[in-house]
């Protein structure tokens, strides 16, 4: 049997850094952001629907999605953001399911699905364990402004578009608080990975014919 883990965290929490550490420790990590980019590559049905919904100016001259232009359209309006999710989410789910099946077939014991909007898309029940990476909202805002160069208003829009972390903490099996150094984060990720692998080692073996 395989332990399928959902890894999530609000924007600028350090989730991607934690995912990188898990990958370095040997985890199979399936990144929803990577899948989301694949889902809207040039020529895909999802990209065509986005252009039909928000106009040709969200498509760059090269034929790929202009993410900054689309973000300006949807992050100020919850309904617009939900419409975007309705377009992209099914394609991302299909790609993720394919990769999970491939990892199972390889005999992977722990599969980590890195999904920023895991709670928002009501995906909790699809996973055996949920790992949340979290940091206080003021710290996340500071990271967005100083580390990523966003305007404060844009950064706030991105933060408020997601479910408050307090609600997510209550439903997570493991919480990784990312308020210290990179070494502190790595140490906590290592602890969580050790626990996940112990759980996986105690799962029943798959039945054979």
N, C-alpha and C. Protein backbone atom coordinates (compact mmCIF):
# COMPACT_ATOMS: atom_id res chain seq x y z
N UNK A 1 0.84 -1.20 0.00
CA UNK A 1 0.00 0.00 0.00
C UNK A 1 0.87 1.25 0.00
N UNK A 2 0.27 2.34 -0.43
CA UNK A 2 0.99 3.61 -0.54
C UNK A 2 0.31 4.65 0.33
N UNK A 3 1.11 5.45 1.02
CA UNK A 3 0.60 6.58 1.80
C UNK A 3 0.60 7.81 0.89
N UNK A 4 -0.57 8.36 0.64
CA UNK A 4 -0.70 9.54 -0.22
C UNK A 4 -0.93 10.75 0.68
N UNK A 5 -0.02 11.70 0.61
CA UNK A 5 0.01 12.85 1.53
C UNK A 5 -0.31 14.13 0.76
N UNK A 6 -1.17 14.94 1.33
CA UNK A 6 -1.43 16.27 0.79
C UNK A 6 -0.60 17.30 1.54
N UNK A 7 0.24 18.02 0.81
CA UNK A 7 1.07 19.08 1.39
C UNK A 7 0.50 20.42 0.94
N UNK A 8 0.24 21.30 1.90
CA UNK A 8 -0.35 22.58 1.54
C UNK A 8 0.17 23.68 2.47
N UNK A 9 -0.20 24.88 2.15
CA UNK A 9 0.22 26.05 2.93
C UNK A 9 -0.16 27.30 2.17
N UNK A 10 -0.59 28.32 2.89
CA UNK A 10 -0.95 29.56 2.22
C UNK A 10 0.27 30.21 1.59
N UNK A 11 0.01 31.13 0.68
CA UNK A 11 1.08 31.74 -0.10
C UNK A 11 2.15 32.36 0.81
N UNK A 12 3.42 32.12 0.44
CA UNK A 12 4.59 32.64 1.16
C UNK A 12 4.77 32.01 2.53
N UNK A 13 4.16 30.85 2.74
CA UNK A 13 4.34 30.14 4.01
C UNK A 13 5.66 29.37 4.04
N UNK A 14 6.21 29.07 2.87
CA UNK A 14 7.41 28.24 2.79
C UNK A 14 7.11 26.82 2.33
N UNK A 15 5.92 26.62 1.82
CA UNK A 15 5.51 25.29 1.38
C UNK A 15 6.42 24.73 0.31
N UNK A 16 6.78 25.56 -0.66
CA UNK A 16 7.62 25.07 -1.75
C UNK A 16 9.01 24.67 -1.25
N UNK A 17 9.52 25.42 -0.27
CA UNK A 17 10.81 25.06 0.32
C UNK A 17 10.70 23.73 1.06
N UNK A 18 9.60 23.54 1.77
CA UNK A 18 9.38 22.26 2.45
C UNK A 18 9.26 21.12 1.45
N UNK A 19 8.58 21.38 0.34
CA UNK A 19 8.46 20.35 -0.69
C UNK A 19 9.82 19.98 -1.25
N UNK A 20 10.68 20.98 -1.44
CA UNK A 20 12.02 20.71 -1.93
C UNK A 20 12.81 19.85 -0.96
N UNK A 21 12.64 20.11 0.33
CA UNK A 21 13.32 19.31 1.34
C UNK A 21 12.81 17.87 1.32
N UNK A 22 11.50 17.71 1.19
CA UNK A 22 10.93 16.37 1.12
C UNK A 22 11.46 15.61 -0.10
N UNK A 23 11.57 16.32 -1.21
CA UNK A 23 12.10 15.70 -2.41
C UNK A 23 13.54 15.26 -2.20
N UNK A 24 14.32 16.10 -1.51
CA UNK A 24 15.72 15.77 -1.23
C UNK A 24 15.83 14.56 -0.31
N UNK A 25 14.83 14.38 0.55
CA UNK A 25 14.83 13.24 1.47
C UNK A 25 14.38 11.94 0.79
N UNK A 26 13.92 12.06 -0.44
CA UNK A 26 13.52 10.87 -1.19
C UNK A 26 12.05 10.76 -1.49
N UNK A 27 11.26 11.77 -1.15
CA UNK A 27 9.84 11.71 -1.41
C UNK A 27 9.55 11.89 -2.90
N UNK A 28 8.51 11.22 -3.37
CA UNK A 28 7.95 11.51 -4.68
C UNK A 28 6.99 12.68 -4.51
N UNK A 29 7.32 13.83 -5.08
CA UNK A 29 6.52 15.04 -4.91
C UNK A 29 5.85 15.39 -6.23
N UNK A 30 4.54 15.51 -6.21
CA UNK A 30 3.75 15.92 -7.37
C UNK A 30 3.28 17.34 -7.12
N UNK A 31 3.76 18.27 -7.93
CA UNK A 31 3.56 19.70 -7.69
C UNK A 31 2.35 20.20 -8.49
N UNK A 32 1.31 20.65 -7.79
CA UNK A 32 0.11 21.13 -8.46
C UNK A 32 0.38 22.37 -9.30
N UNK A 33 1.34 23.21 -8.89
CA UNK A 33 1.65 24.39 -9.69
C UNK A 33 2.23 23.99 -11.04
N UNK A 34 3.08 22.97 -11.04
CA UNK A 34 3.62 22.46 -12.30
C UNK A 34 2.50 21.89 -13.17
N UNK A 35 1.61 21.13 -12.55
CA UNK A 35 0.49 20.57 -13.29
C UNK A 35 -0.43 21.67 -13.83
N UNK A 36 -0.61 22.74 -13.04
CA UNK A 36 -1.47 23.84 -13.49
C UNK A 36 -0.88 24.53 -14.72
N UNK A 37 0.46 24.63 -14.77
CA UNK A 37 1.09 25.21 -15.96
C UNK A 37 0.92 24.29 -17.16
N UNK A 38 1.05 22.99 -16.93
CA UNK A 38 0.86 22.04 -18.02
C UNK A 38 -0.58 22.07 -18.54
N UNK A 39 -1.52 22.27 -17.62
CA UNK A 39 -2.94 22.25 -17.98
C UNK A 39 -3.33 23.40 -18.90
N UNK A 40 -2.55 24.50 -18.87
CA UNK A 40 -2.90 25.67 -19.70
C UNK A 40 -1.80 25.98 -20.71
N UNK A 41 -1.05 24.96 -21.10
CA UNK A 41 -0.05 25.18 -22.15
C UNK A 41 -0.74 25.55 -23.46
N UNK A 42 0.03 26.14 -24.36
CA UNK A 42 -0.51 26.55 -25.66
C UNK A 42 -1.19 25.37 -26.34
N UNK A 43 -2.41 25.62 -26.82
CA UNK A 43 -3.15 24.59 -27.54
C UNK A 43 -4.04 23.73 -26.68
N UNK A 44 -4.01 23.90 -25.35
CA UNK A 44 -4.85 23.07 -24.50
C UNK A 44 -6.28 23.61 -24.45
N UNK A 45 -7.26 22.73 -24.22
CA UNK A 45 -8.64 23.20 -24.09
C UNK A 45 -8.82 24.23 -22.98
N UNK A 46 -8.10 24.07 -21.87
CA UNK A 46 -8.25 25.01 -20.76
C UNK A 46 -7.80 26.40 -21.17
N UNK A 47 -6.69 26.51 -21.89
CA UNK A 47 -6.22 27.83 -22.32
C UNK A 47 -7.23 28.47 -23.28
N UNK A 48 -7.81 27.68 -24.14
CA UNK A 48 -8.81 28.21 -25.06
C UNK A 48 -10.01 28.76 -24.29
N UNK A 49 -10.45 28.04 -23.26
CA UNK A 49 -11.59 28.51 -22.46
C UNK A 49 -11.24 29.78 -21.70
N UNK A 50 -9.99 29.89 -21.22
CA UNK A 50 -9.57 31.10 -20.53
C UNK A 50 -9.61 32.30 -21.47
N UNK A 51 -9.12 32.12 -22.68
CA UNK A 51 -9.13 33.20 -23.67
C UNK A 51 -10.56 33.62 -24.02
N UNK A 52 -11.44 32.65 -24.11
CA UNK A 52 -12.84 32.95 -24.41
C UNK A 52 -13.50 33.72 -23.27
N UNK A 53 -13.09 33.39 -22.04
CA UNK A 53 -13.72 34.00 -20.87
C UNK A 53 -13.18 35.40 -20.58
N UNK A 54 -11.85 35.58 -20.68
CA UNK A 54 -11.25 36.84 -20.26
C UNK A 54 -10.61 37.65 -21.40
N UNK A 55 -10.70 37.15 -22.60
CA UNK A 55 -10.23 37.92 -23.74
C UNK A 55 -8.81 37.56 -24.17
N UNK A 56 -8.51 37.93 -25.40
CA UNK A 56 -7.21 37.57 -25.99
C UNK A 56 -6.05 38.28 -25.32
N UNK A 57 -6.30 39.35 -24.55
CA UNK A 57 -5.18 40.07 -23.95
C UNK A 57 -4.58 39.34 -22.75
N UNK A 58 -5.16 38.20 -22.34
CA UNK A 58 -4.51 37.39 -21.31
C UNK A 58 -3.61 36.32 -21.94
N UNK A 59 -3.50 36.34 -23.26
CA UNK A 59 -2.61 35.44 -23.98
C UNK A 59 -1.44 36.27 -24.52
N UNK A 60 -0.23 35.85 -24.21
CA UNK A 60 0.97 36.54 -24.66
C UNK A 60 1.14 36.37 -26.16
N UNK A 61 1.93 37.25 -26.81
CA UNK A 61 2.15 37.12 -28.27
C UNK A 61 2.70 35.77 -28.68
N UNK A 62 3.39 35.10 -27.76
CA UNK A 62 3.95 33.78 -28.07
C UNK A 62 2.90 32.67 -28.01
N UNK A 63 1.68 33.01 -27.60
CA UNK A 63 0.62 32.01 -27.53
C UNK A 63 0.45 31.35 -26.19
N UNK A 64 1.27 31.74 -25.21
CA UNK A 64 1.17 31.16 -23.88
C UNK A 64 0.36 32.10 -22.98
N UNK A 65 -0.03 31.60 -21.83
CA UNK A 65 -0.83 32.39 -20.91
C UNK A 65 0.00 33.52 -20.30
N UNK A 66 -0.54 34.73 -20.32
CA UNK A 66 0.07 35.87 -19.63
C UNK A 66 -0.47 35.85 -18.20
N UNK A 67 0.29 35.22 -17.30
CA UNK A 67 -0.20 35.00 -15.95
C UNK A 67 -0.43 36.30 -15.18
N UNK A 68 0.45 37.27 -15.40
CA UNK A 68 0.28 38.53 -14.69
C UNK A 68 -1.00 39.23 -15.11
N UNK A 69 -1.30 39.21 -16.41
CA UNK A 69 -2.53 39.84 -16.90
C UNK A 69 -3.76 39.12 -16.35
N UNK A 70 -3.71 37.79 -16.33
CA UNK A 70 -4.85 37.04 -15.82
C UNK A 70 -5.03 37.27 -14.32
N UNK A 71 -3.90 37.32 -13.59
CA UNK A 71 -3.98 37.54 -12.15
C UNK A 71 -4.65 38.88 -11.84
N UNK A 72 -4.34 39.89 -12.63
CA UNK A 72 -4.96 41.20 -12.40
C UNK A 72 -6.47 41.13 -12.61
N UNK A 73 -6.91 40.22 -13.47
CA UNK A 73 -8.33 40.10 -13.75
C UNK A 73 -9.09 39.36 -12.65
N UNK A 74 -8.46 38.34 -12.08
CA UNK A 74 -9.24 37.43 -11.23
C UNK A 74 -9.05 37.62 -9.74
N UNK A 75 -7.90 38.12 -9.29
CA UNK A 75 -7.65 38.14 -7.85
C UNK A 75 -8.43 39.22 -7.11
N UNK A 76 -9.02 40.14 -7.82
CA UNK A 76 -9.83 41.17 -7.17
C UNK A 76 -11.30 40.77 -7.08
N UNK A 77 -11.64 39.62 -7.63
CA UNK A 77 -13.04 39.21 -7.72
C UNK A 77 -13.14 37.71 -7.41
N UNK A 78 -13.79 37.39 -6.30
CA UNK A 78 -13.87 35.98 -5.88
C UNK A 78 -14.57 35.13 -6.94
N UNK A 79 -15.62 35.65 -7.54
CA UNK A 79 -16.34 34.87 -8.54
C UNK A 79 -15.47 34.60 -9.77
N UNK A 80 -14.68 35.58 -10.15
CA UNK A 80 -13.79 35.38 -11.29
C UNK A 80 -12.73 34.32 -10.97
N UNK A 81 -12.21 34.36 -9.75
CA UNK A 81 -11.22 33.38 -9.34
C UNK A 81 -11.83 31.98 -9.32
N UNK A 82 -13.06 31.87 -8.87
CA UNK A 82 -13.72 30.59 -8.85
C UNK A 82 -13.96 30.07 -10.26
N UNK A 83 -14.28 30.96 -11.17
CA UNK A 83 -14.47 30.55 -12.56
C UNK A 83 -13.17 30.01 -13.15
N UNK A 84 -12.06 30.67 -12.85
CA UNK A 84 -10.76 30.18 -13.30
C UNK A 84 -10.49 28.80 -12.74
N UNK A 85 -10.77 28.60 -11.46
CA UNK A 85 -10.55 27.30 -10.85
C UNK A 85 -11.42 26.23 -11.49
N UNK A 86 -12.65 26.58 -11.85
CA UNK A 86 -13.54 25.61 -12.49
C UNK A 86 -13.01 25.18 -13.86
N UNK A 87 -12.28 26.06 -14.50
CA UNK A 87 -11.70 25.73 -15.80
C UNK A 87 -10.45 24.86 -15.65
N UNK A 88 -9.57 25.24 -14.74
CA UNK A 88 -8.25 24.62 -14.65
C UNK A 88 -8.26 23.36 -13.79
N UNK A 89 -9.07 23.36 -12.72
CA UNK A 89 -9.00 22.28 -11.73
C UNK A 89 -9.22 20.88 -12.31
N UNK A 90 -10.21 20.66 -13.17
CA UNK A 90 -10.39 19.29 -13.68
C UNK A 90 -9.18 18.77 -14.45
N UNK A 91 -8.53 19.63 -15.21
CA UNK A 91 -7.35 19.20 -15.96
C UNK A 91 -6.20 18.88 -15.01
N UNK A 92 -6.05 19.68 -13.96
CA UNK A 92 -4.99 19.44 -12.98
C UNK A 92 -5.26 18.12 -12.25
N UNK A 93 -6.51 17.88 -11.88
CA UNK A 93 -6.86 16.63 -11.19
C UNK A 93 -6.53 15.42 -12.05
N UNK A 94 -6.84 15.50 -13.32
CA UNK A 94 -6.54 14.37 -14.22
C UNK A 94 -5.04 14.11 -14.29
N UNK A 95 -4.26 15.17 -14.42
CA UNK A 95 -2.81 15.02 -14.48
C UNK A 95 -2.25 14.45 -13.17
N UNK A 96 -2.78 14.94 -12.04
CA UNK A 96 -2.31 14.45 -10.74
C UNK A 96 -2.65 12.97 -10.56
N UNK A 97 -3.86 12.59 -10.92
CA UNK A 97 -4.26 11.19 -10.79
C UNK A 97 -3.36 10.28 -11.63
N UNK A 98 -2.99 10.75 -12.81
CA UNK A 98 -2.10 9.96 -13.67
C UNK A 98 -0.75 9.76 -13.01
N UNK A 99 -0.21 10.83 -12.41
CA UNK A 99 1.11 10.72 -11.79
C UNK A 99 1.07 9.89 -10.51
N UNK A 100 -0.01 9.99 -9.74
CA UNK A 100 -0.14 9.15 -8.56
C UNK A 100 -0.19 7.68 -8.96
N UNK A 101 -0.96 7.38 -10.00
CA UNK A 101 -1.06 5.99 -10.46
C UNK A 101 0.30 5.47 -10.92
N UNK A 102 1.06 6.32 -11.60
CA UNK A 102 2.40 5.91 -12.05
C UNK A 102 3.32 5.64 -10.86
N UNK A 103 3.24 6.50 -9.83
CA UNK A 103 4.08 6.32 -8.65
C UNK A 103 3.69 5.05 -7.90
N UNK A 104 2.39 4.78 -7.80
CA UNK A 104 1.94 3.54 -7.17
C UNK A 104 2.49 2.33 -7.92
N UNK A 105 2.43 2.41 -9.25
CA UNK A 105 2.90 1.30 -10.07
C UNK A 105 4.40 1.06 -9.88
N UNK A 106 5.14 2.12 -9.58
CA UNK A 106 6.59 1.97 -9.34
C UNK A 106 6.87 1.41 -7.94
N UNK A 107 5.82 1.33 -7.12
CA UNK A 107 6.00 0.82 -5.77
C UNK A 107 6.40 1.86 -4.75
N UNK A 108 6.16 3.16 -5.06
CA UNK A 108 6.50 4.22 -4.10
C UNK A 108 5.66 4.06 -2.84
N UNK A 109 6.30 4.20 -1.67
CA UNK A 109 5.59 4.02 -0.41
C UNK A 109 4.93 5.30 0.07
N UNK A 110 5.53 6.46 -0.24
CA UNK A 110 4.96 7.75 0.16
C UNK A 110 4.93 8.67 -1.06
N UNK A 111 3.77 9.18 -1.36
CA UNK A 111 3.59 10.14 -2.45
C UNK A 111 3.10 11.45 -1.83
N UNK A 112 3.79 12.53 -2.12
CA UNK A 112 3.43 13.83 -1.58
C UNK A 112 2.87 14.70 -2.71
N UNK A 113 1.62 15.12 -2.56
CA UNK A 113 0.98 16.00 -3.54
C UNK A 113 0.99 17.42 -2.99
N UNK A 114 1.77 18.28 -3.62
CA UNK A 114 1.93 19.67 -3.21
C UNK A 114 0.80 20.48 -3.84
N UNK A 115 -0.18 20.90 -3.02
CA UNK A 115 -1.40 21.53 -3.54
C UNK A 115 -1.70 22.79 -2.73
N UNK A 116 -1.43 23.97 -3.26
CA UNK A 116 -1.68 25.20 -2.51
C UNK A 116 -3.14 25.35 -2.06
N UNK A 117 -4.09 25.00 -2.93
CA UNK A 117 -5.51 25.22 -2.63
C UNK A 117 -6.20 23.93 -2.21
N UNK A 118 -5.50 23.09 -1.48
CA UNK A 118 -6.04 21.80 -1.09
C UNK A 118 -7.34 21.96 -0.28
N UNK A 119 -7.33 22.86 0.69
CA UNK A 119 -8.53 23.06 1.50
C UNK A 119 -9.61 23.80 0.73
N UNK A 120 -9.21 24.82 -0.02
CA UNK A 120 -10.17 25.61 -0.77
C UNK A 120 -10.93 24.77 -1.80
N UNK A 121 -10.23 23.77 -2.37
CA UNK A 121 -10.87 22.91 -3.37
C UNK A 121 -11.50 21.67 -2.76
N UNK A 122 -11.54 21.62 -1.41
CA UNK A 122 -12.19 20.53 -0.67
C UNK A 122 -11.61 19.16 -1.06
N UNK A 123 -10.29 19.07 -1.00
CA UNK A 123 -9.61 17.84 -1.40
C UNK A 123 -9.10 17.03 -0.22
N UNK A 124 -9.41 17.45 1.00
CA UNK A 124 -8.84 16.82 2.19
C UNK A 124 -9.07 15.32 2.20
N UNK A 125 -10.27 14.88 1.86
CA UNK A 125 -10.62 13.47 1.97
C UNK A 125 -9.93 12.60 0.92
N UNK A 126 -9.24 13.20 -0.02
CA UNK A 126 -8.54 12.42 -1.04
C UNK A 126 -7.17 11.93 -0.56
N UNK A 127 -6.76 12.34 0.65
CA UNK A 127 -5.41 12.02 1.11
C UNK A 127 -5.44 11.30 2.44
N UNK A 128 -4.39 10.49 2.65
CA UNK A 128 -4.28 9.75 3.90
C UNK A 128 -3.82 10.65 5.04
N UNK A 129 -2.97 11.61 4.74
CA UNK A 129 -2.46 12.56 5.73
C UNK A 129 -2.36 13.94 5.10
N UNK A 130 -2.56 14.98 5.92
CA UNK A 130 -2.42 16.35 5.47
C UNK A 130 -1.29 17.02 6.25
N UNK A 131 -0.35 17.63 5.52
CA UNK A 131 0.74 18.38 6.12
C UNK A 131 0.57 19.85 5.74
N UNK A 132 0.50 20.71 6.74
CA UNK A 132 0.33 22.15 6.53
C UNK A 132 1.61 22.88 6.90
N UNK A 133 2.12 23.70 5.99
CA UNK A 133 3.22 24.61 6.30
C UNK A 133 2.60 25.98 6.57
N UNK A 134 2.98 26.60 7.66
CA UNK A 134 2.31 27.84 8.05
C UNK A 134 3.32 28.87 8.57
N UNK A 135 2.94 30.12 8.45
CA UNK A 135 3.68 31.25 9.01
C UNK A 135 2.68 32.36 9.26
N UNK A 136 2.92 33.24 10.23
CA UNK A 136 1.96 34.32 10.52
C UNK A 136 1.73 35.20 9.29
N UNK A 137 0.54 35.71 9.20
CA UNK A 137 0.16 36.53 8.04
C UNK A 137 1.10 37.72 7.83
N UNK A 138 1.48 38.50 8.86
CA UNK A 138 2.39 39.63 8.61
C UNK A 138 3.73 39.18 8.02
N UNK A 139 4.21 38.02 8.44
CA UNK A 139 5.47 37.51 7.90
C UNK A 139 5.31 37.10 6.44
N UNK A 140 4.19 36.51 6.11
CA UNK A 140 3.94 36.12 4.72
C UNK A 140 3.81 37.36 3.83
N UNK A 141 3.15 38.38 4.34
CA UNK A 141 3.03 39.62 3.57
C UNK A 141 4.41 40.23 3.32
N UNK A 142 5.25 40.23 4.35
CA UNK A 142 6.60 40.77 4.21
C UNK A 142 7.39 40.00 3.15
N UNK A 143 7.25 38.68 3.15
CA UNK A 143 7.95 37.87 2.16
C UNK A 143 7.49 38.19 0.75
N UNK A 144 6.19 38.37 0.57
CA UNK A 144 5.67 38.67 -0.77
C UNK A 144 6.18 40.01 -1.29
N UNK A 145 6.23 40.99 -0.39
CA UNK A 145 6.64 42.34 -0.79
C UNK A 145 8.15 42.42 -0.99
N UNK A 146 8.90 41.93 -0.02
CA UNK A 146 10.36 42.11 -0.05
C UNK A 146 11.08 41.03 -0.86
N UNK A 147 10.60 39.79 -0.78
CA UNK A 147 11.29 38.71 -1.48
C UNK A 147 10.82 38.54 -2.92
N UNK A 148 9.53 38.78 -3.16
CA UNK A 148 8.99 38.57 -4.50
C UNK A 148 8.73 39.87 -5.25
N UNK A 149 8.86 40.98 -4.56
CA UNK A 149 8.74 42.27 -5.23
C UNK A 149 7.33 42.68 -5.60
N UNK A 150 6.32 42.13 -4.91
CA UNK A 150 4.95 42.51 -5.21
C UNK A 150 4.57 43.81 -4.50
N UNK A 151 3.61 44.52 -5.09
CA UNK A 151 3.03 45.65 -4.40
C UNK A 151 2.22 45.15 -3.20
N UNK A 152 2.17 45.93 -2.13
CA UNK A 152 1.49 45.46 -0.92
C UNK A 152 0.02 45.17 -1.18
N UNK A 153 -0.64 45.99 -1.99
CA UNK A 153 -2.06 45.75 -2.26
C UNK A 153 -2.26 44.44 -3.01
N UNK A 154 -1.39 44.16 -3.98
CA UNK A 154 -1.48 42.90 -4.72
C UNK A 154 -1.21 41.71 -3.81
N UNK A 155 -0.21 41.87 -2.94
CA UNK A 155 0.12 40.80 -2.01
C UNK A 155 -1.05 40.51 -1.07
N UNK A 156 -1.70 41.56 -0.58
CA UNK A 156 -2.84 41.38 0.32
C UNK A 156 -3.99 40.68 -0.40
N UNK A 157 -4.19 41.04 -1.67
CA UNK A 157 -5.24 40.37 -2.45
C UNK A 157 -4.98 38.87 -2.53
N UNK A 158 -3.73 38.50 -2.75
CA UNK A 158 -3.38 37.09 -2.88
C UNK A 158 -3.55 36.36 -1.55
N UNK A 159 -3.23 37.02 -0.45
CA UNK A 159 -3.39 36.41 0.87
C UNK A 159 -4.86 36.22 1.21
N UNK A 160 -5.66 37.24 0.99
CA UNK A 160 -7.07 37.17 1.38
C UNK A 160 -7.88 36.26 0.47
N UNK A 161 -7.34 35.92 -0.70
CA UNK A 161 -8.05 35.01 -1.60
C UNK A 161 -8.04 33.58 -1.08
N UNK A 162 -7.19 33.29 -0.10
CA UNK A 162 -7.08 31.94 0.43
C UNK A 162 -7.75 31.83 1.80
N UNK A 163 -8.12 30.60 2.14
CA UNK A 163 -8.74 30.33 3.43
C UNK A 163 -7.77 30.67 4.56
N UNK A 164 -8.24 31.28 5.64
CA UNK A 164 -7.34 31.58 6.76
C UNK A 164 -6.64 30.33 7.28
N UNK A 165 -5.36 30.49 7.61
CA UNK A 165 -4.56 29.35 8.05
C UNK A 165 -5.10 28.72 9.32
N UNK A 166 -5.76 29.51 10.17
CA UNK A 166 -6.28 28.96 11.43
C UNK A 166 -7.27 27.83 11.17
N UNK A 167 -8.07 27.97 10.13
CA UNK A 167 -9.04 26.93 9.80
C UNK A 167 -8.34 25.68 9.27
N UNK A 168 -7.23 25.88 8.57
CA UNK A 168 -6.50 24.75 8.01
C UNK A 168 -5.74 23.98 9.10
N UNK A 169 -5.21 24.72 10.06
CA UNK A 169 -4.44 24.07 11.13
C UNK A 169 -5.30 23.04 11.87
N UNK A 170 -6.58 23.34 12.03
CA UNK A 170 -7.46 22.46 12.78
C UNK A 170 -7.66 21.12 12.09
N UNK A 171 -7.46 21.07 10.78
CA UNK A 171 -7.73 19.85 10.03
C UNK A 171 -6.46 19.16 9.54
N UNK A 172 -5.31 19.74 9.83
CA UNK A 172 -4.05 19.14 9.37
C UNK A 172 -3.58 18.07 10.35
N UNK A 173 -2.96 17.02 9.82
CA UNK A 173 -2.37 15.98 10.66
C UNK A 173 -1.01 16.42 11.20
N UNK A 174 -0.27 17.20 10.41
CA UNK A 174 1.03 17.72 10.81
C UNK A 174 1.08 19.20 10.42
N UNK A 175 1.59 20.03 11.33
CA UNK A 175 1.79 21.45 11.05
C UNK A 175 3.28 21.76 11.14
N UNK A 176 3.80 22.37 10.09
CA UNK A 176 5.20 22.80 10.06
C UNK A 176 5.21 24.31 10.15
N UNK A 177 5.58 24.85 11.30
CA UNK A 177 5.64 26.30 11.47
C UNK A 177 6.97 26.82 10.91
N UNK A 178 6.87 27.75 9.98
CA UNK A 178 8.06 28.28 9.31
C UNK A 178 8.27 29.74 9.72
N UNK A 179 8.76 29.93 10.92
CA UNK A 179 9.00 31.28 11.42
C UNK A 179 10.46 31.53 11.75
N UNK A 180 11.30 30.51 11.61
CA UNK A 180 12.71 30.65 11.97
C UNK A 180 13.62 30.59 10.77
N UNK A 181 14.74 29.93 10.94
CA UNK A 181 15.74 29.83 9.88
C UNK A 181 15.41 28.67 8.95
N UNK A 182 16.15 28.62 7.83
CA UNK A 182 16.00 27.51 6.92
C UNK A 182 16.36 26.19 7.60
N UNK A 183 17.37 26.23 8.45
CA UNK A 183 17.75 25.02 9.19
C UNK A 183 16.62 24.55 10.10
N UNK A 184 15.92 25.50 10.73
CA UNK A 184 14.78 25.15 11.57
C UNK A 184 13.69 24.47 10.75
N UNK A 185 13.43 25.02 9.56
CA UNK A 185 12.40 24.44 8.69
C UNK A 185 12.81 23.03 8.27
N UNK A 186 14.04 22.88 7.85
CA UNK A 186 14.52 21.55 7.42
C UNK A 186 14.38 20.53 8.54
N UNK A 187 14.72 20.94 9.74
CA UNK A 187 14.65 20.01 10.88
C UNK A 187 13.22 19.54 11.12
N UNK A 188 12.27 20.46 11.04
CA UNK A 188 10.87 20.10 11.26
C UNK A 188 10.36 19.22 10.11
N UNK A 189 10.75 19.54 8.88
CA UNK A 189 10.35 18.71 7.74
C UNK A 189 10.91 17.29 7.92
N UNK A 190 12.15 17.21 8.37
CA UNK A 190 12.77 15.90 8.59
C UNK A 190 11.95 15.08 9.60
N UNK A 191 11.48 15.74 10.66
CA UNK A 191 10.68 15.05 11.67
C UNK A 191 9.38 14.50 11.06
N UNK A 192 8.73 15.34 10.28
CA UNK A 192 7.46 14.93 9.67
C UNK A 192 7.70 13.79 8.68
N UNK A 193 8.76 13.88 7.89
CA UNK A 193 9.07 12.83 6.92
C UNK A 193 9.35 11.51 7.64
N UNK A 194 10.06 11.56 8.75
CA UNK A 194 10.33 10.34 9.50
C UNK A 194 9.05 9.68 9.97
N UNK A 195 8.09 10.50 10.42
CA UNK A 195 6.81 9.97 10.88
C UNK A 195 6.02 9.38 9.71
N UNK A 196 6.01 10.07 8.58
CA UNK A 196 5.28 9.57 7.41
C UNK A 196 5.85 8.25 6.92
N UNK A 197 7.16 8.14 6.88
CA UNK A 197 7.76 6.88 6.42
C UNK A 197 7.50 5.75 7.41
N UNK A 198 7.47 6.07 8.71
CA UNK A 198 7.12 5.03 9.69
C UNK A 198 5.70 4.54 9.46
N UNK A 199 4.79 5.47 9.19
CA UNK A 199 3.41 5.06 8.92
C UNK A 199 3.34 4.21 7.67
N UNK A 200 4.06 4.62 6.63
CA UNK A 200 4.04 3.87 5.38
C UNK A 200 4.58 2.46 5.57
N UNK A 201 5.61 2.34 6.39
CA UNK A 201 6.21 1.02 6.63
C UNK A 201 5.24 0.07 7.32
N UNK A 202 4.25 0.61 8.02
CA UNK A 202 3.29 -0.23 8.74
C UNK A 202 1.99 -0.42 7.97
N UNK A 203 1.90 0.09 6.75
CA UNK A 203 0.73 -0.17 5.94
C UNK A 203 0.73 -1.62 5.48
N UNK A 204 -0.43 -2.22 5.33
CA UNK A 204 -0.46 -3.60 4.83
C UNK A 204 0.03 -3.68 3.41
N UNK A 205 0.72 -4.76 3.09
CA UNK A 205 1.20 -4.95 1.74
C UNK A 205 0.04 -5.18 0.79
N UNK A 206 0.15 -4.75 -0.48
CA UNK A 206 -0.93 -4.97 -1.43
C UNK A 206 -1.17 -6.45 -1.65
N UNK A 207 -2.43 -6.80 -1.82
CA UNK A 207 -2.77 -8.20 -2.04
C UNK A 207 -2.40 -8.62 -3.46
N UNK A 208 -1.90 -9.80 -3.60
CA UNK A 208 -1.54 -10.33 -4.90
C UNK A 208 -2.51 -11.42 -5.30
N UNK A 209 -2.60 -11.62 -6.58
CA UNK A 209 -3.55 -12.64 -7.09
C UNK A 209 -3.09 -14.04 -6.72
